[in-house]
Every structure is written in structure tokens, then in C-alpha cells.
């Protein structure tokens, strides 16, 4: 029985993979939280991988505190770059399949059309820099690995924009949401399913892929969809990024072009609203 190791087990994607795993009993699943796989301690990490001996690794674990990364640069790079480098090296030396999760934050947001996998990277915050460094290390150490860039991830699990909006819309009469950052949300359960489609495909085609749900929206428009589906009475206003300053800059435009993954793996990707409805069931 092939063994799948999932890092970041308690995160949104790790949690959705855990739900999905019951549909794939032909695999032995190892869901590793920070105690089983310590991405911030490389010496320990190497020993842990050698002890688990997986056949497949889904590297969903990451340092994702975008604003805190501005002051915790070393920790962000340890987890998002050096740990990825070590995992990639391990997978290459032991003939282990690796799917590594990355982010739209590797882009600077200056594009006005959907970004494909060949688009120029130029991160504008430490988190994005650390994730791009991880991508480069991953493909250098294991050219046979698959990297999936995703964006605006949400789920029934963990902390995310959808949950925050649900809470605020019930607590307040009015909220303001940034209306000049454009992209597309990703329902973590959809991404988890896409990962299994790739794994079970007869073709393992290494390289970088983009995955998010379909459609182009701003955070403000996303919030309006949450309001509509949740039936909330809260008044939602749109504001510019300059009115809502954060320690880390965010890309203004990071809509991902998904043609490659749809074509090579025959994937049908749902519209974001179609998937968002599942949160309210």
C-alpha cells in the first residue's frame, strides 16, 4: 500500500484532504501536524521523513502569516524555502512523488490579464519572496516534482476570509472591503480533489500549475457573494487598498490562468460561487 504524507495537516487544505482520504482507502494516509513534521527544524525534519518513509508527499504546510512575515523573515524562509529544499531533495533521492503548494503572491500584481505559469514572478512582500524561493529550490532539487500555485484559499476549516466575513456580517451593521485587488478564490476541497486527480492520472507531468476556482472578482465582490449566500443584512462597502494599510503589500491583480492544468489533467474547475455555496450547506 502506497503511503501519502500530508504536511500541514491542521491547515485548510490538509483538513480537506483528511475528509477526502476516506474515498481513497487504497492509500495509507499520514496526516502530519507540527509535532510530526517540524518544518522549522531541518535536522529533525530529515529524521522524520526517514522514519515515515512516504511514497508520496503533499507539502501543504507553510508559513502563511503574510503580515507577520515582514518581521519574521528568517522563520518564513526556513519553512517556505529551506524545508521545501530538504523535502525536495529527500523525494528525489528516494523516488518519492512530490506535490508542493505555492501561491499567487509570487507575482507583483502589475498584470491586467490572467497570469499563466510562464508569467514573470516578482514578489512584493516577504511571504511571496519566501514562497518563490521555495518553488525554485523545489524544482532544482527535484525536477520531477509538481508545484501548484493557488490563491485566496478558504474552507470550512481554519481561519480564512469567508469565515471572517460570516462573523463580521453577523456582528456589524456595516463593513468595508478592499475593492481594487483582483483574483479568484479557491475552495480548498476543490484543490484537494484536483491533487488526487493528478496523483491518480496515468501521466505525471512535472512543473508548475495554477489552480483556483473560475471567475474574476475583487475581495469586495467576493464579500457581496458571501452576503448574498448567507442572507446577511450587513451593509458592505468597497474601499481602496490605500484606505486599508497592512504591513505587507498585496498584489493588486493575481488572477491565475488555469488552461494548463485543465488541459493536461482534463480537469473541470467549478465557478467560485458554485463552490462557495457548499460552505453554507
C-alpha atoms as a PDB file:
ATOM      1  CA  UNK A   1       0.000   0.000   0.000  1.00  0.00           C
ATOM      2  CA  UNK A   2       1.398   3.385  -1.034  1.00  0.00           C
ATOM      3  CA  UNK A   3       1.815   5.892   1.759  1.00  0.00           C
ATOM      4  CA  UNK A   4       0.808   9.551   1.371  1.00  0.00           C
ATOM      5  CA  UNK A   5       2.345  12.053   3.788  1.00  0.00           C
ATOM      6  CA  UNK A   6       0.385  15.300   4.130  1.00  0.00           C
ATOM      7  CA  UNK A   7       2.233  18.152   5.835  1.00  0.00           C
ATOM      8  CA  UNK A   8       0.249  20.999   7.350  1.00  0.00           C
ATOM      9  CA  UNK A   9      -2.431  18.506   8.389  1.00  0.00           C
ATOM     10  CA  UNK A  10      -4.374  21.020  10.500  1.00  0.00           C
ATOM     11  CA  UNK A  11      -4.464  23.702   7.800  1.00  0.00           C
ATOM     12  CA  UNK A  12      -7.349  24.264   5.396  1.00  0.00           C
ATOM     13  CA  UNK A  13      -6.019  22.078   2.586  1.00  0.00           C
ATOM     14  CA  UNK A  14      -4.685  19.397   4.940  1.00  0.00           C
ATOM     15  CA  UNK A  15      -8.085  19.221   6.647  1.00  0.00           C
ATOM     16  CA  UNK A  16      -9.905  18.889   3.304  1.00  0.00           C
ATOM     17  CA  UNK A  17      -7.509  16.122   2.243  1.00  0.00           C
ATOM     18  CA  UNK A  18      -8.314  14.365   5.509  1.00  0.00           C
ATOM     19  CA  UNK A  19     -12.037  14.465   4.656  1.00  0.00           C
ATOM     20  CA  UNK A  20     -11.282  13.245   1.118  1.00  0.00           C
ATOM     21  CA  UNK A  21      -8.942  10.457   2.261  1.00  0.00           C
ATOM     22  CA  UNK A  22     -11.808   8.138   3.217  1.00  0.00           C
ATOM     23  CA  UNK A  23     -12.673   7.941  -0.506  1.00  0.00           C
ATOM     24  CA  UNK A  24      -9.149   6.682  -1.239  1.00  0.00           C
ATOM     25  CA  UNK A  25      -8.660   3.646   1.037  1.00  0.00           C
ATOM     26  CA  UNK A  26      -6.080   2.212  -1.372  1.00  0.00           C
ATOM     27  CA  UNK A  27      -3.573   4.633   0.187  1.00  0.00           C
ATOM     28  CA  UNK A  28      -2.164   4.752   3.695  1.00  0.00           C
ATOM     29  CA  UNK A  29      -2.550   8.366   4.793  1.00  0.00           C
ATOM     30  CA  UNK A  30      -0.213  10.061   7.280  1.00  0.00           C
ATOM     31  CA  UNK A  31      -1.510  13.464   8.366  1.00  0.00           C
ATOM     32  CA  UNK A  32       1.368  15.312   9.982  1.00  0.00           C
ATOM     33  CA  UNK A  33       0.910  18.402  12.101  1.00  0.00           C
ATOM     34  CA  UNK A  34       3.802  20.473  13.503  1.00  0.00           C
ATOM     35  CA  UNK A  35       4.651  17.786  16.034  1.00  0.00           C
ATOM     36  CA  UNK A  36       5.111  15.035  13.409  1.00  0.00           C
ATOM     37  CA  UNK A  37       6.758  17.160  10.727  1.00  0.00           C
ATOM     38  CA  UNK A  38       8.698  20.145  12.044  1.00  0.00           C
ATOM     39  CA  UNK A  39       9.259  22.404   9.054  1.00  0.00           C
ATOM     40  CA  UNK A  40      11.121  24.931  11.196  1.00  0.00           C
ATOM     41  CA  UNK A  41      13.701  22.371  12.415  1.00  0.00           C
ATOM     42  CA  UNK A  42      15.549  20.975   9.411  1.00  0.00           C
ATOM     43  CA  UNK A  43      17.684  18.455  11.298  1.00  0.00           C
ATOM     44  CA  UNK A  44      14.603  16.932  12.891  1.00  0.00           C
ATOM     45  CA  UNK A  45      12.675  17.115   9.606  1.00  0.00           C
ATOM     46  CA  UNK A  46      15.167  14.904   7.807  1.00  0.00           C
ATOM     47  CA  UNK A  47      14.937  12.253  10.544  1.00  0.00           C
ATOM     48  CA  UNK A  48      11.125  12.417  10.488  1.00  0.00           C
ATOM     49  CA  UNK A  49      10.988  11.824   6.715  1.00  0.00           C
ATOM     50  CA  UNK A  50      13.364   8.881   7.012  1.00  0.00           C
ATOM     51  CA  UNK A  51      11.188   7.425   9.761  1.00  0.00           C
ATOM     52  CA  UNK A  52       7.855   7.826   7.919  1.00  0.00           C
ATOM     53  CA  UNK A  53       9.215   6.653   4.529  1.00  0.00           C
ATOM     54  CA  UNK A  54       6.350   8.010   2.387  1.00  0.00           C
ATOM     55  CA  UNK A  55       5.792   7.156  -1.285  1.00  0.00           C
ATOM     56  CA  UNK A  56       4.045  10.461  -1.961  1.00  0.00           C
ATOM     57  CA  UNK A  57       4.306  13.833  -0.200  1.00  0.00           C
ATOM     58  CA  UNK A  58       1.655  16.554  -0.397  1.00  0.00           C
ATOM     59  CA  UNK A  59       3.518  19.533   1.038  1.00  0.00           C
ATOM     60  CA  UNK A  60       0.645  21.715   2.259  1.00  0.00           C
ATOM     61  CA  UNK A  61       2.499  23.040   5.308  1.00  0.00           C
ATOM     62  CA  UNK A  62       3.767  26.623   5.079  1.00  0.00           C
ATOM     63  CA  UNK A  63       4.392  29.845   6.937  1.00  0.00           C
ATOM     64  CA  UNK A  64       1.317  31.822   5.823  1.00  0.00           C
ATOM     65  CA  UNK A  65       1.174  34.820   8.206  1.00  0.00           C
ATOM     66  CA  UNK A  66       1.653  37.359   5.403  1.00  0.00           C
ATOM     67  CA  UNK A  67       1.944  40.461   7.601  1.00  0.00           C
ATOM     68  CA  UNK A  68       4.000  38.837  10.367  1.00  0.00           C
ATOM     69  CA  UNK A  69       6.466  37.572   7.759  1.00  0.00           C
ATOM     70  CA  UNK A  70       7.661  41.155   7.300  1.00  0.00           C
ATOM     71  CA  UNK A  71       9.257  40.954  10.766  1.00  0.00           C
ATOM     72  CA  UNK A  72       9.804  37.160  10.867  1.00  0.00           C
ATOM     73  CA  UNK A  73      11.731  36.850   7.624  1.00  0.00           C
ATOM     74  CA  UNK A  74      14.116  34.149   8.833  1.00  0.00           C
ATOM     75  CA  UNK A  75      11.307  31.887  10.069  1.00  0.00           C
ATOM     76  CA  UNK A  76       9.294  32.404   6.863  1.00  0.00           C
ATOM     77  CA  UNK A  77      12.309  31.460   4.727  1.00  0.00           C
ATOM     78  CA  UNK A  78      13.164  28.450   6.911  1.00  0.00           C
ATOM     79  CA  UNK A  79       9.679  26.955   6.476  1.00  0.00           C
ATOM     80  CA  UNK A  80       8.827  28.147   2.950  1.00  0.00           C
ATOM     81  CA  UNK A  81      12.262  27.735   1.371  1.00  0.00           C
ATOM     82  CA  UNK A  82      14.796  25.651   3.309  1.00  0.00           C
ATOM     83  CA  UNK A  83      12.294  22.992   4.448  1.00  0.00           C
ATOM     84  CA  UNK A  84      10.963  22.730   0.876  1.00  0.00           C
ATOM     85  CA  UNK A  85      14.517  22.337  -0.393  1.00  0.00           C
ATOM     86  CA  UNK A  86      15.112  19.497   2.080  1.00  0.00           C
ATOM     87  CA  UNK A  87      11.806  17.774   1.237  1.00  0.00           C
ATOM     88  CA  UNK A  88      12.500  18.053  -2.500  1.00  0.00           C
ATOM     89  CA  UNK A  89      15.980  16.604  -2.049  1.00  0.00           C
ATOM     90  CA  UNK A  90      14.575  13.736   0.024  1.00  0.00           C
ATOM     91  CA  UNK A  91      11.886  12.962  -2.568  1.00  0.00           C
ATOM     92  CA  UNK A  92      14.402  12.989  -5.423  1.00  0.00           C
ATOM     93  CA  UNK A  93      16.872  10.700  -3.635  1.00  0.00           C
ATOM     94  CA  UNK A  94      14.144   8.262  -2.559  1.00  0.00           C
ATOM     95  CA  UNK A  95      11.991   8.264  -5.702  1.00  0.00           C
ATOM     96  CA  UNK A  96       9.041   9.837  -3.875  1.00  0.00           C
ATOM     97  CA  UNK A  97       6.349  11.815  -5.716  1.00  0.00           C
ATOM     98  CA  UNK A  98       6.010  15.414  -4.516  1.00  0.00           C
ATOM     99  CA  UNK A  99       3.169  17.898  -4.928  1.00  0.00           C
ATOM    100  CA  UNK A 100       4.126  21.222  -3.362  1.00  0.00           C
ATOM    101  CA  UNK A 101       1.617  24.043  -2.808  1.00  0.00           C
ATOM    102  CA  UNK A 102       2.595  27.611  -3.669  1.00  0.00           C
ATOM    103  CA  UNK A 103       0.829  30.943  -4.072  1.00  0.00           C
ATOM    104  CA  UNK A 104      -0.253  33.796  -6.348  1.00  0.00           C
ATOM    105  CA  UNK A 105       1.849  36.056  -4.093  1.00  0.00           C
ATOM    106  CA  UNK A 106       4.894  35.221  -6.222  1.00  0.00           C
ATOM    107  CA  UNK A 107       3.532  37.909  -8.607  1.00  0.00           C
ATOM    108  CA  UNK A 108       3.687  41.694  -8.165  1.00  0.00           C
ATOM    109  CA  UNK A 109       0.117  42.405  -9.291  1.00  0.00           C
ATOM    110  CA  UNK A 110       1.023  44.630 -12.232  1.00  0.00           C
ATOM    111  CA  UNK A 111      -0.626  42.414 -14.873  1.00  0.00           C
ATOM    112  CA  UNK A 112      -4.050  43.146 -16.297  1.00  0.00           C
ATOM    113  CA  UNK A 113      -4.650  39.704 -17.816  1.00  0.00           C
ATOM    114  CA  UNK A 114      -4.778  36.248 -16.227  1.00  0.00           C
ATOM    115  CA  UNK A 115      -1.305  35.001 -15.260  1.00  0.00           C
ATOM    116  CA  UNK A 116      -0.099  31.711 -16.713  1.00  0.00           C
ATOM    117  CA  UNK A 117       2.714  29.538 -15.352  1.00  0.00           C
ATOM    118  CA  UNK A 118       5.301  31.313 -17.516  1.00  0.00           C
ATOM    119  CA  UNK A 119       4.393  34.818 -16.294  1.00  0.00           C
ATOM    120  CA  UNK A 120       7.221  36.849 -14.741  1.00  0.00           C
ATOM    121  CA  UNK A 121       7.469  36.468 -10.967  1.00  0.00           C
ATOM    122  CA  UNK A 122       8.302  39.477  -8.808  1.00  0.00           C
ATOM    123  CA  UNK A 123       7.006  39.179  -5.213  1.00  0.00           C
ATOM    124  CA  UNK A 124       6.300  42.395  -3.309  1.00  0.00           C
ATOM    125  CA  UNK A 125       6.344  41.016   0.241  1.00  0.00           C
ATOM    126  CA  UNK A 126       8.485  38.655   2.334  1.00  0.00           C
ATOM    127  CA  UNK A 127       5.896  35.877   2.266  1.00  0.00           C
ATOM    128  CA  UNK A 128       5.875  35.937  -1.548  1.00  0.00           C
ATOM    129  CA  UNK A 129       9.683  36.052  -1.666  1.00  0.00           C
ATOM    130  CA  UNK A 130       9.935  33.015   0.622  1.00  0.00           C
ATOM    131  CA  UNK A 131       7.388  31.038  -1.414  1.00  0.00           C
ATOM    132  CA  UNK A 132       9.129  31.850  -4.701  1.00  0.00           C
ATOM    133  CA  UNK A 133      12.465  30.784  -3.198  1.00  0.00           C
ATOM    134  CA  UNK A 134      10.748  27.514  -2.200  1.00  0.00           C
ATOM    135  CA  UNK A 135       9.486  26.952  -5.753  1.00  0.00           C
ATOM    136  CA  UNK A 136      12.969  27.476  -7.189  1.00  0.00           C
ATOM    137  CA  UNK A 137      14.544  25.149  -4.601  1.00  0.00           C
ATOM    138  CA  UNK A 138      11.843  22.528  -5.182  1.00  0.00           C
ATOM    139  CA  UNK A 139      12.413  22.300  -8.943  1.00  0.00           C
ATOM    140  CA  UNK A 140      16.187  22.494  -8.557  1.00  0.00           C
ATOM    141  CA  UNK A 141      16.379  19.648  -6.033  1.00  0.00           C
ATOM    142  CA  UNK A 142      13.653  17.542  -7.639  1.00  0.00           C
ATOM    143  CA  UNK A 143      12.880  18.406 -11.288  1.00  0.00           C
ATOM    144  CA  UNK A 144      10.218  15.672 -11.227  1.00  0.00           C
ATOM    145  CA  UNK A 145       8.066  17.500  -8.662  1.00  0.00           C
ATOM    146  CA  UNK A 146       4.742  19.257  -9.261  1.00  0.00           C
ATOM    147  CA  UNK A 147       4.074  22.726  -7.857  1.00  0.00           C
ATOM    148  CA  UNK A 148       0.534  24.101  -7.662  1.00  0.00           C
ATOM    149  CA  UNK A 149       0.096  27.851  -7.275  1.00  0.00           C
ATOM    150  CA  UNK A 150      -3.227  28.754  -5.735  1.00  0.00           C
ATOM    151  CA  UNK A 151      -4.960  31.879  -4.422  1.00  0.00           C
ATOM    152  CA  UNK A 152      -7.436  33.187  -1.848  1.00  0.00           C
ATOM    153  CA  UNK A 153      -7.907  29.786  -0.211  1.00  0.00           C
ATOM    154  CA  UNK A 154     -10.943  29.194   2.011  1.00  0.00           C
ATOM    155  CA  UNK A 155     -12.617  26.198   3.634  1.00  0.00           C
ATOM    156  CA  UNK A 156     -14.938  25.162   6.440  1.00  0.00           C
ATOM    157  CA  UNK A 157     -11.713  24.602   8.383  1.00  0.00           C
ATOM    158  CA  UNK A 158      -9.187  27.073   9.799  1.00  0.00           C
ATOM    159  CA  UNK A 159      -9.156  30.858   9.528  1.00  0.00           C
ATOM    160  CA  UNK A 160      -9.989  32.475   6.213  1.00  0.00           C
ATOM    161  CA  UNK A 161     -11.749  35.385   4.515  1.00  0.00           C
ATOM    162  CA  UNK A 162     -15.104  33.614   4.211  1.00  0.00           C
ATOM    163  CA  UNK A 163     -15.255  32.785   7.926  1.00  0.00           C
ATOM    164  CA  UNK A 164     -14.176  36.317   8.859  1.00  0.00           C
ATOM    165  CA  UNK A 165     -16.882  37.832   6.639  1.00  0.00           C
ATOM    166  CA  UNK A 166     -19.529  35.486   8.047  1.00  0.00           C
ATOM    167  CA  UNK A 167     -18.640  36.558  11.576  1.00  0.00           C
ATOM    168  CA  UNK A 168     -18.414  40.290  10.843  1.00  0.00           C
ATOM    169  CA  UNK A 169     -21.633  40.339   8.822  1.00  0.00           C
ATOM    170  CA  UNK A 170     -23.476  38.895  11.825  1.00  0.00           C
ATOM    171  CA  UNK A 171     -21.778  41.234  14.335  1.00  0.00           C
ATOM    172  CA  UNK A 172     -21.877  44.567  12.479  1.00  0.00           C
ATOM    173  CA  UNK A 173     -24.307  46.719  10.519  1.00  0.00           C
ATOM    174  CA  UNK A 174     -21.617  47.920   8.081  1.00  0.00           C
ATOM    175  CA  UNK A 175     -18.250  46.630   6.901  1.00  0.00           C
ATOM    176  CA  UNK A 176     -15.784  47.848   4.272  1.00  0.00           C
ATOM    177  CA  UNK A 177     -13.832  45.526   1.977  1.00  0.00           C
ATOM    178  CA  UNK A 178     -10.995  46.258  -0.445  1.00  0.00           C
ATOM    179  CA  UNK A 179     -12.316  46.605  -3.999  1.00  0.00           C
ATOM    180  CA  UNK A 180      -9.120  47.085  -6.024  1.00  0.00           C
ATOM    181  CA  UNK A 181      -7.393  43.719  -5.522  1.00  0.00           C
ATOM    182  CA  UNK A 182      -8.454  41.261  -8.231  1.00  0.00           C
ATOM    183  CA  UNK A 183      -8.118  37.485  -8.317  1.00  0.00           C
ATOM    184  CA  UNK A 184     -10.180  34.351  -7.777  1.00  0.00           C
ATOM    185  CA  UNK A 185     -10.987  32.384  -4.618  1.00  0.00           C
ATOM    186  CA  UNK A 186     -10.057  28.720  -4.161  1.00  0.00           C
ATOM    187  CA  UNK A 187     -12.248  26.286  -2.253  1.00  0.00           C
ATOM    188  CA  UNK A 188      -9.695  24.012  -0.559  1.00  0.00           C
ATOM    189  CA  UNK A 189     -11.877  20.930  -1.116  1.00  0.00           C
ATOM    190  CA  UNK A 190     -11.732  21.524  -4.887  1.00  0.00           C
ATOM    191  CA  UNK A 191      -7.953  21.847  -4.776  1.00  0.00           C
ATOM    192  CA  UNK A 192      -7.667  18.647  -2.699  1.00  0.00           C
ATOM    193  CA  UNK A 193      -9.710  16.784  -5.325  1.00  0.00           C
ATOM    194  CA  UNK A 194      -7.534  18.192  -8.125  1.00  0.00           C
ATOM    195  CA  UNK A 195      -4.421  16.901  -6.345  1.00  0.00           C
ATOM    196  CA  UNK A 196      -5.904  13.402  -6.266  1.00  0.00           C
ATOM    197  CA  UNK A 197      -6.805  13.608  -9.966  1.00  0.00           C
ATOM    198  CA  UNK A 198      -3.149  14.400 -10.713  1.00  0.00           C
ATOM    199  CA  UNK A 199      -1.875  11.629  -8.443  1.00  0.00           C
ATOM    200  CA  UNK A 200      -4.174   9.008  -9.944  1.00  0.00           C
ATOM    201  CA  UNK A 201      -3.569  10.087 -13.543  1.00  0.00           C
ATOM    202  CA  UNK A 202      -1.510   7.819 -15.796  1.00  0.00           C
ATOM    203  CA  UNK A 203       0.592  10.875 -16.662  1.00  0.00           C
ATOM    204  CA  UNK A 204       2.802  12.549 -14.080  1.00  0.00           C
ATOM    205  CA  UNK A 205       3.881  15.767 -15.798  1.00  0.00           C
ATOM    206  CA  UNK A 206       6.331  17.745 -13.621  1.00  0.00           C
ATOM    207  CA  UNK A 207       6.376  21.523 -13.370  1.00  0.00           C
ATOM    208  CA  UNK A 208       4.278  24.448 -12.175  1.00  0.00           C
ATOM    209  CA  UNK A 209       0.475  24.558 -12.416  1.00  0.00           C
ATOM    210  CA  UNK A 210      -2.103  27.186 -11.482  1.00  0.00           C
ATOM    211  CA  UNK A 211      -5.308  26.273  -9.669  1.00  0.00           C
ATOM    212  CA  UNK A 212      -8.147  28.425  -8.368  1.00  0.00           C
ATOM    213  CA  UNK A 213     -11.874  28.453  -8.942  1.00  0.00           C
ATOM    214  CA  UNK A 214     -13.200  30.132 -12.086  1.00  0.00           C
ATOM    215  CA  UNK A 215     -14.220  33.795 -12.490  1.00  0.00           C
ATOM    216  CA  UNK A 216     -12.558  37.140 -11.798  1.00  0.00           C
ATOM    217  CA  UNK A 217     -13.558  39.070  -8.684  1.00  0.00           C
ATOM    218  CA  UNK A 218     -12.347  41.632  -6.170  1.00  0.00           C
ATOM    219  CA  UNK A 219     -12.385  40.924  -2.439  1.00  0.00           C
ATOM    220  CA  UNK A 220     -15.383  43.301  -2.287  1.00  0.00           C
ATOM    221  CA  UNK A 221     -17.299  41.281  -4.899  1.00  0.00           C
ATOM    222  CA  UNK A 222     -16.350  38.083  -3.063  1.00  0.00           C
ATOM    223  CA  UNK A 223     -17.770  39.598   0.139  1.00  0.00           C
ATOM    224  CA  UNK A 224     -21.017  40.507  -1.668  1.00  0.00           C
ATOM    225  CA  UNK A 225     -21.364  36.855  -2.757  1.00  0.00           C
ATOM    226  CA  UNK A 226     -20.889  35.751   0.869  1.00  0.00           C
ATOM    227  CA  UNK A 227     -23.533  38.262   1.971  1.00  0.00           C
ATOM    228  CA  UNK A 228     -25.958  37.021  -0.693  1.00  0.00           C
ATOM    229  CA  UNK A 229     -25.494  33.307   0.008  1.00  0.00           C
ATOM    230  CA  UNK A 230     -25.582  33.806   3.780  1.00  0.00           C
ATOM    231  CA  UNK A 231     -28.643  36.070   3.652  1.00  0.00           C
ATOM    232  CA  UNK A 232     -26.921  38.683   5.860  1.00  0.00           C
ATOM    233  CA  UNK A 233     -28.357  42.198   6.290  1.00  0.00           C
ATOM    234  CA  UNK A 234     -24.980  43.882   6.812  1.00  0.00           C
ATOM    235  CA  UNK A 235     -24.163  46.806   4.503  1.00  0.00           C
ATOM    236  CA  UNK A 236     -20.939  46.071   2.553  1.00  0.00           C
ATOM    237  CA  UNK A 237     -18.914  48.996   1.207  1.00  0.00           C
ATOM    238  CA  UNK A 238     -15.937  48.965  -1.137  1.00  0.00           C
ATOM    239  CA  UNK A 239     -12.691  50.783  -0.264  1.00  0.00           C
ATOM    240  CA  UNK A 240      -9.286  51.133  -1.920  1.00  0.00           C
ATOM    241  CA  UNK A 241      -6.162  49.347  -0.668  1.00  0.00           C
ATOM    242  CA  UNK A 242      -4.702  52.743   0.266  1.00  0.00           C
ATOM    243  CA  UNK A 243      -7.525  53.133   2.812  1.00  0.00           C
ATOM    244  CA  UNK A 244      -6.679  49.789   4.410  1.00  0.00           C
ATOM    245  CA  UNK A 245      -2.943  49.729   5.027  1.00  0.00           C
ATOM    246  CA  UNK A 246      -1.250  46.480   6.076  1.00  0.00           C
ATOM    247  CA  UNK A 247       2.419  45.746   6.991  1.00  0.00           C
ATOM    248  CA  UNK A 248       2.793  43.634   3.810  1.00  0.00           C
ATOM    249  CA  UNK A 249       1.777  44.851   0.368  1.00  0.00           C
ATOM    250  CA  UNK A 250      -0.676  42.686  -1.583  1.00  0.00           C
ATOM    251  CA  UNK A 251      -0.681  42.157  -5.361  1.00  0.00           C
ATOM    252  CA  UNK A 252      -3.400  44.283  -6.993  1.00  0.00           C
ATOM    253  CA  UNK A 253      -4.042  41.658  -9.674  1.00  0.00           C
ATOM    254  CA  UNK A 254      -3.298  37.948  -9.320  1.00  0.00           C
ATOM    255  CA  UNK A 255      -5.918  36.162 -11.391  1.00  0.00           C
ATOM    256  CA  UNK A 256      -4.498  32.762 -12.381  1.00  0.00           C
ATOM    257  CA  UNK A 257      -4.811  31.229 -15.840  1.00  0.00           C
ATOM    258  CA  UNK A 258      -5.753  27.555 -15.386  1.00  0.00           C
ATOM    259  CA  UNK A 259      -5.580  26.347 -19.010  1.00  0.00           C
ATOM    260  CA  UNK A 260      -2.528  24.142 -18.388  1.00  0.00           C
ATOM    261  CA  UNK A 261      -3.945  22.057 -15.534  1.00  0.00           C
ATOM    262  CA  UNK A 262      -7.372  21.821 -17.204  1.00  0.00           C
ATOM    263  CA  UNK A 263      -5.868  20.615 -20.473  1.00  0.00           C
ATOM    264  CA  UNK A 264      -3.183  18.220 -19.217  1.00  0.00           C
ATOM    265  CA  UNK A 265      -5.317  16.642 -16.483  1.00  0.00           C
ATOM    266  CA  UNK A 266      -8.748  17.058 -18.069  1.00  0.00           C
ATOM    267  CA  UNK A 267      -9.956  18.960 -15.005  1.00  0.00           C
ATOM    268  CA  UNK A 268     -13.288  20.722 -14.803  1.00  0.00           C
ATOM    269  CA  UNK A 269     -12.923  23.626 -12.391  1.00  0.00           C
ATOM    270  CA  UNK A 270     -16.111  24.963 -10.750  1.00  0.00           C
ATOM    271  CA  UNK A 271     -17.054  28.638 -10.740  1.00  0.00           C
ATOM    272  CA  UNK A 272     -16.201  30.188  -7.369  1.00  0.00           C
ATOM    273  CA  UNK A 273     -19.867  30.836  -6.498  1.00  0.00           C
ATOM    274  CA  UNK A 274     -20.768  27.212  -7.179  1.00  0.00           C
ATOM    275  CA  UNK A 275     -18.153  26.108  -4.630  1.00  0.00           C
ATOM    276  CA  UNK A 276     -18.858  28.903  -2.149  1.00  0.00           C
ATOM    277  CA  UNK A 277     -22.445  27.620  -1.816  1.00  0.00           C
ATOM    278  CA  UNK A 278     -21.065  24.447  -0.203  1.00  0.00           C
ATOM    279  CA  UNK A 279     -19.862  26.442   2.792  1.00  0.00           C
ATOM    280  CA  UNK A 280     -23.485  27.411   3.533  1.00  0.00           C
ATOM    281  CA  UNK A 281     -24.953  23.905   3.325  1.00  0.00           C
END
